[in-house]
Protein backbone atom coordinates (compact mmCIF):
# COMPACT_ATOMS: atom_id res chain seq x y z
CA MET A 1 2.91 17.99 16.94
CA THR A 2 5.51 18.67 14.07
CA GLU A 3 5.11 16.68 11.13
CA PRO A 4 8.09 14.21 10.48
CA SER A 5 10.01 15.67 7.60
CA TYR A 6 9.87 12.42 5.38
CA LEU A 7 6.22 13.00 5.03
CA ALA A 8 6.60 16.54 3.76
CA ALA A 9 9.03 15.03 1.21
CA VAL A 10 6.70 12.37 0.00
CA ARG A 11 3.71 14.66 -0.38
CA GLU A 12 5.64 17.23 -2.30
CA SER A 13 7.27 14.67 -4.55
CA TYR A 14 4.23 12.80 -5.48
CA ASP A 15 2.24 16.05 -6.00
CA THR A 16 5.06 17.00 -8.45
CA VAL A 17 4.90 13.77 -10.34
CA ALA A 18 1.23 12.87 -10.06
CA ALA A 19 0.14 13.64 -13.68
CA ASP A 20 2.93 11.69 -15.21
CA TYR A 21 2.77 9.04 -12.53
CA ALA A 22 -0.70 8.24 -13.46
CA LYS A 23 0.33 8.00 -17.32
CA LEU A 24 3.42 5.94 -16.58
CA VAL A 25 2.35 3.33 -13.91
CA LYS A 26 0.86 0.28 -15.37
CA ASN A 27 -2.92 -0.49 -15.20
CA PRO A 28 -3.66 -3.72 -12.88
CA VAL A 29 -4.56 -5.74 -15.92
CA GLU A 30 -1.24 -5.03 -17.42
CA LEU A 31 0.78 -6.34 -14.27
CA ASP A 32 2.45 -9.77 -14.50
CA PRO A 33 0.32 -12.86 -13.88
CA VAL A 34 1.73 -13.55 -10.40
CA SER A 35 0.89 -9.99 -9.14
CA ARG A 36 -2.39 -9.95 -10.70
CA ALA A 37 -3.02 -13.43 -8.89
CA MET A 38 -2.06 -12.12 -5.57
CA LEU A 39 -4.51 -9.14 -5.94
CA ALA A 40 -7.26 -11.61 -6.95
CA ALA A 41 -6.46 -13.87 -3.88
CA PHE A 42 -6.72 -10.82 -1.61
CA ALA A 43 -9.88 -9.69 -3.07
CA GLU A 44 -11.28 -13.40 -2.82
CA VAL A 45 -10.23 -13.89 0.91
CA VAL A 46 -11.76 -10.54 1.82
CA GLN A 47 -15.02 -11.16 0.14
CA VAL A 48 -15.24 -14.71 1.59
CA ALA A 49 -14.64 -13.18 5.02
CA GLY A 50 -17.31 -10.55 4.64
CA ARG A 51 -15.98 -8.35 7.42
CA GLY A 52 -16.07 -4.96 5.77
CA PRO A 53 -14.66 -2.71 3.28
CA VAL A 54 -11.01 -2.35 2.07
CA ALA A 55 -8.96 0.63 2.59
CA ASP A 56 -6.26 1.00 -0.15
CA LEU A 57 -3.56 2.94 1.61
CA GLY A 58 -1.23 4.83 -0.62
CA CYS A 59 -3.75 4.56 -3.39
CA GLY A 60 -2.09 6.93 -5.90
CA PRO A 61 -4.29 7.73 -8.83
CA GLY A 62 -6.74 5.10 -7.72
CA LYS A 63 -6.06 2.32 -10.27
CA ILE A 64 -5.66 -0.48 -7.86
CA THR A 65 -8.61 0.62 -5.66
CA ALA A 66 -10.82 0.61 -8.98
CA HIS A 67 -9.41 -2.86 -9.71
CA LEU A 68 -10.42 -3.94 -6.33
CA ALA A 69 -14.03 -2.66 -7.00
CA GLU A 70 -14.06 -4.47 -10.22
CA LEU A 71 -13.22 -7.80 -8.59
CA GLY A 72 -16.28 -7.21 -6.28
CA VAL A 73 -14.52 -5.68 -3.35
CA SER A 74 -15.94 -2.45 -1.53
CA ALA A 75 -12.89 -0.35 -1.51
CA PHE A 76 -11.77 3.10 -0.81
CA GLY A 77 -8.52 4.94 -1.24
CA ILE A 78 -6.30 7.08 0.97
CA ASP A 79 -3.17 8.80 -0.13
CA LEU A 80 -0.90 11.47 1.32
CA SER A 81 -0.73 13.52 -1.90
CA PRO A 82 -3.66 15.79 -2.48
CA LYS A 83 -2.67 15.84 -6.26
CA MET A 84 -3.03 12.05 -6.46
CA ILE A 85 -6.42 12.17 -4.63
CA GLU A 86 -7.67 14.71 -7.19
CA LEU A 87 -6.66 12.56 -10.14
CA ALA A 88 -8.18 9.46 -8.50
CA ARG A 89 -11.58 11.36 -7.97
CA GLN A 90 -11.52 12.57 -11.48
CA ALA A 91 -10.89 9.04 -12.89
CA TYR A 92 -13.17 7.23 -10.67
CA PRO A 93 -15.94 9.44 -9.41
CA ASN A 94 -18.03 6.47 -8.26
CA LEU A 95 -15.47 5.54 -5.56
CA SER A 96 -14.33 7.29 -2.36
CA PHE A 97 -10.72 8.88 -2.06
CA THR A 98 -9.36 11.01 0.84
CA VAL A 99 -6.13 12.47 1.83
CA GLY A 100 -4.60 10.79 4.98
CA LEU A 101 -1.81 9.31 6.76
CA MET A 102 -0.71 5.65 7.20
CA THR A 103 0.72 6.55 10.60
CA ALA A 104 -2.34 8.09 11.81
CA LEU A 105 -5.53 6.88 10.00
CA GLU A 106 -8.89 8.59 10.57
CA ILE A 107 -10.54 5.36 10.68
CA GLY A 108 -12.10 3.86 13.94
CA ASP A 109 -10.91 0.40 15.53
CA ASN A 110 -12.13 -2.73 14.17
CA GLU A 111 -13.72 -1.22 10.96
CA LEU A 112 -12.08 -2.55 8.01
CA GLY A 113 -12.49 -6.01 6.36
CA GLY A 114 -9.18 -5.46 4.59
CA VAL A 115 -6.04 -3.15 4.28
CA LEU A 116 -3.98 -3.04 1.08
CA ALA A 117 -0.70 -1.35 1.06
CA TYR A 118 0.45 -1.78 -2.66
CA TYR A 119 4.13 -0.30 -3.02
CA SER A 120 3.34 2.34 -0.52
CA ALA A 121 5.08 1.44 2.78
CA HIS A 122 8.66 1.82 1.54
CA HIS A 123 8.91 5.35 1.92
CA THR A 124 8.25 5.08 5.73
CA PRO A 125 11.53 4.99 7.76
CA PRO A 126 12.16 1.60 9.16
CA GLU A 127 11.89 2.67 12.72
CA LEU A 128 8.36 3.96 12.09
CA LEU A 129 7.12 0.83 10.51
CA PRO A 130 5.83 -0.53 13.70
CA VAL A 131 3.45 2.44 13.96
CA VAL A 132 2.13 1.84 10.51
CA PHE A 133 1.64 -1.77 11.01
CA ALA A 134 -0.09 -1.00 14.33
CA GLU A 135 -2.46 1.03 12.55
CA PHE A 136 -3.18 -1.72 10.14
CA HIS A 137 -4.01 -4.04 13.18
CA ARG A 138 -6.12 -1.31 14.90
CA THR A 139 -8.35 -0.61 11.94
CA LEU A 140 -8.79 -4.23 10.79
CA VAL A 141 -11.88 -6.00 12.36
CA PRO A 142 -10.88 -9.44 14.04
CA GLY A 143 -10.59 -11.89 11.10
CA GLY A 144 -9.79 -8.96 8.63
CA HIS A 145 -7.01 -9.18 6.01
CA LEU A 146 -3.92 -7.37 4.95
CA MET A 147 -1.97 -7.39 1.69
CA LEU A 148 1.32 -5.65 1.76
CA ALA A 149 3.47 -5.67 -1.46
CA GLY A 150 6.57 -3.75 -2.51
CA TYR A 151 10.31 -3.89 -3.27
CA VAL A 152 12.64 -5.16 -0.83
CA GLY A 153 16.45 -5.46 -0.39
CA ASP A 154 19.15 -5.86 1.90
CA ASP A 155 18.56 -2.75 3.98
CA GLU A 156 18.85 -0.53 1.00
CA HIS A 157 18.32 3.23 1.56
CA LEU A 158 17.58 4.82 -1.79
CA ARG A 159 17.63 8.63 -2.47
CA PRO A 160 16.54 9.26 -5.98
CA ARG A 161 16.70 12.84 -7.31
CA GLN A 162 14.44 12.34 -10.39
CA ALA A 163 11.40 10.14 -11.20
CA TYR A 164 8.38 9.57 -13.47
CA GLY A 165 9.32 11.78 -16.55
CA GLY A 166 12.58 13.40 -14.95
CA HIS A 167 10.74 15.43 -12.20
CA LEU A 168 12.74 16.38 -9.19
CA VAL A 169 11.79 14.43 -6.12
CA SER A 170 12.95 14.51 -2.61
CA TYR A 171 11.50 11.28 -1.07
CA GLU A 172 13.67 8.34 0.06
CA SER A 173 12.93 4.61 -0.02
CA HIS A 174 13.89 2.02 2.38
CA LEU A 175 14.09 -1.66 0.99
CA LEU A 176 14.08 -4.21 3.94
CA PRO A 177 14.81 -7.90 3.70
CA PRO A 178 11.50 -9.83 3.57
CA ASP A 179 12.02 -11.61 6.77
CA ARG A 180 12.37 -8.39 8.60
CA ILE A 181 9.17 -7.24 7.33
CA ALA A 182 7.55 -10.45 8.25
CA GLY A 183 8.78 -10.07 11.88
CA LEU A 184 7.38 -6.68 12.10
CA LEU A 185 4.01 -7.77 10.91
CA ASP A 186 4.15 -10.61 13.54
CA ARG A 187 5.07 -8.35 16.28
CA ALA A 188 2.07 -5.96 15.31
CA GLY A 189 -0.13 -9.03 15.81
CA LEU A 190 -0.70 -9.87 12.32
CA VAL A 191 -0.53 -13.48 11.30
CA ILE A 192 1.05 -14.12 8.00
CA THR A 193 -0.92 -16.53 5.85
CA ALA A 194 1.25 -16.28 2.50
CA GLN A 195 4.47 -14.79 1.58
CA LEU A 196 5.77 -14.61 -1.93
CA VAL A 197 9.16 -13.17 -3.25
CA GLN A 198 9.53 -12.54 -6.94
CA ALA A 199 13.00 -12.38 -8.25
CA PRO A 200 13.98 -9.59 -10.85
CA ASP A 201 12.98 -10.17 -14.16
CA LYS A 202 12.62 -8.16 -17.40
CA GLY A 203 9.65 -6.51 -15.96
CA THR A 204 11.25 -5.27 -12.72
CA LYS A 205 14.77 -4.41 -11.65
CA ARG A 206 14.17 -5.33 -7.86
CA THR A 207 13.08 -8.02 -5.88
CA VAL A 208 9.42 -7.83 -4.90
CA ALA A 209 7.74 -9.23 -1.80
CA THR A 210 4.04 -9.85 -1.20
CA PHE A 211 2.41 -10.76 2.25
CA LEU A 212 -1.04 -11.73 2.87
CA ALA A 213 -1.83 -11.60 6.69
CA ARG A 214 -4.79 -11.54 8.85
CA LYS A 215 -5.85 -10.08 12.33
CA PRO A 216 -6.76 -12.99 14.56
CA GLU A 217 -10.12 -13.51 15.75
CA ARG A 218 -10.84 -12.61 19.44
CA SER A 219 -10.29 -15.33 21.78
């Protein structure tokens, strides 16, 4: 099966920027209070549910994965970029990091207590988001939790040419309205339990939406 071209673009771009990305992207303790609170809330509901480990999908250099572990969550990371995974393994040798795809996770059905997609789903073309969200649903145990966070917009299609220190990149970003994302999660069988939209401020030039959702218990 031929790999979609956008995956090759994302992999190549993040391999290129990996070292500078790891230096430039904030550590979780440096995030704004609301973002830290949402991560803490996700960690708490996962621990209270006690259904299994958390997969940090699109984990990059592993900073958020490690933060979850510090909050008491059993977490591991998956990323499309081998260079990002290499950096994560070097920085956090006590945690597990593997190369993988959100569209085809090498994880069995009903295995995860939680899924985190933190600023990592926006490179997926909108028509393929149902595939990604179906993978979230498939791999979560009944009663498992999802946290999805990232930039949103009015169906904006961004094509940056440089990023993270001026490196040339070829990935694209798709910023969808929050209500559209919520609808896609609902159609994937995930029940939204909280939805937060943060307006742009001095810390970010774009609107951010965070969703907490869960996979329903078996009837």
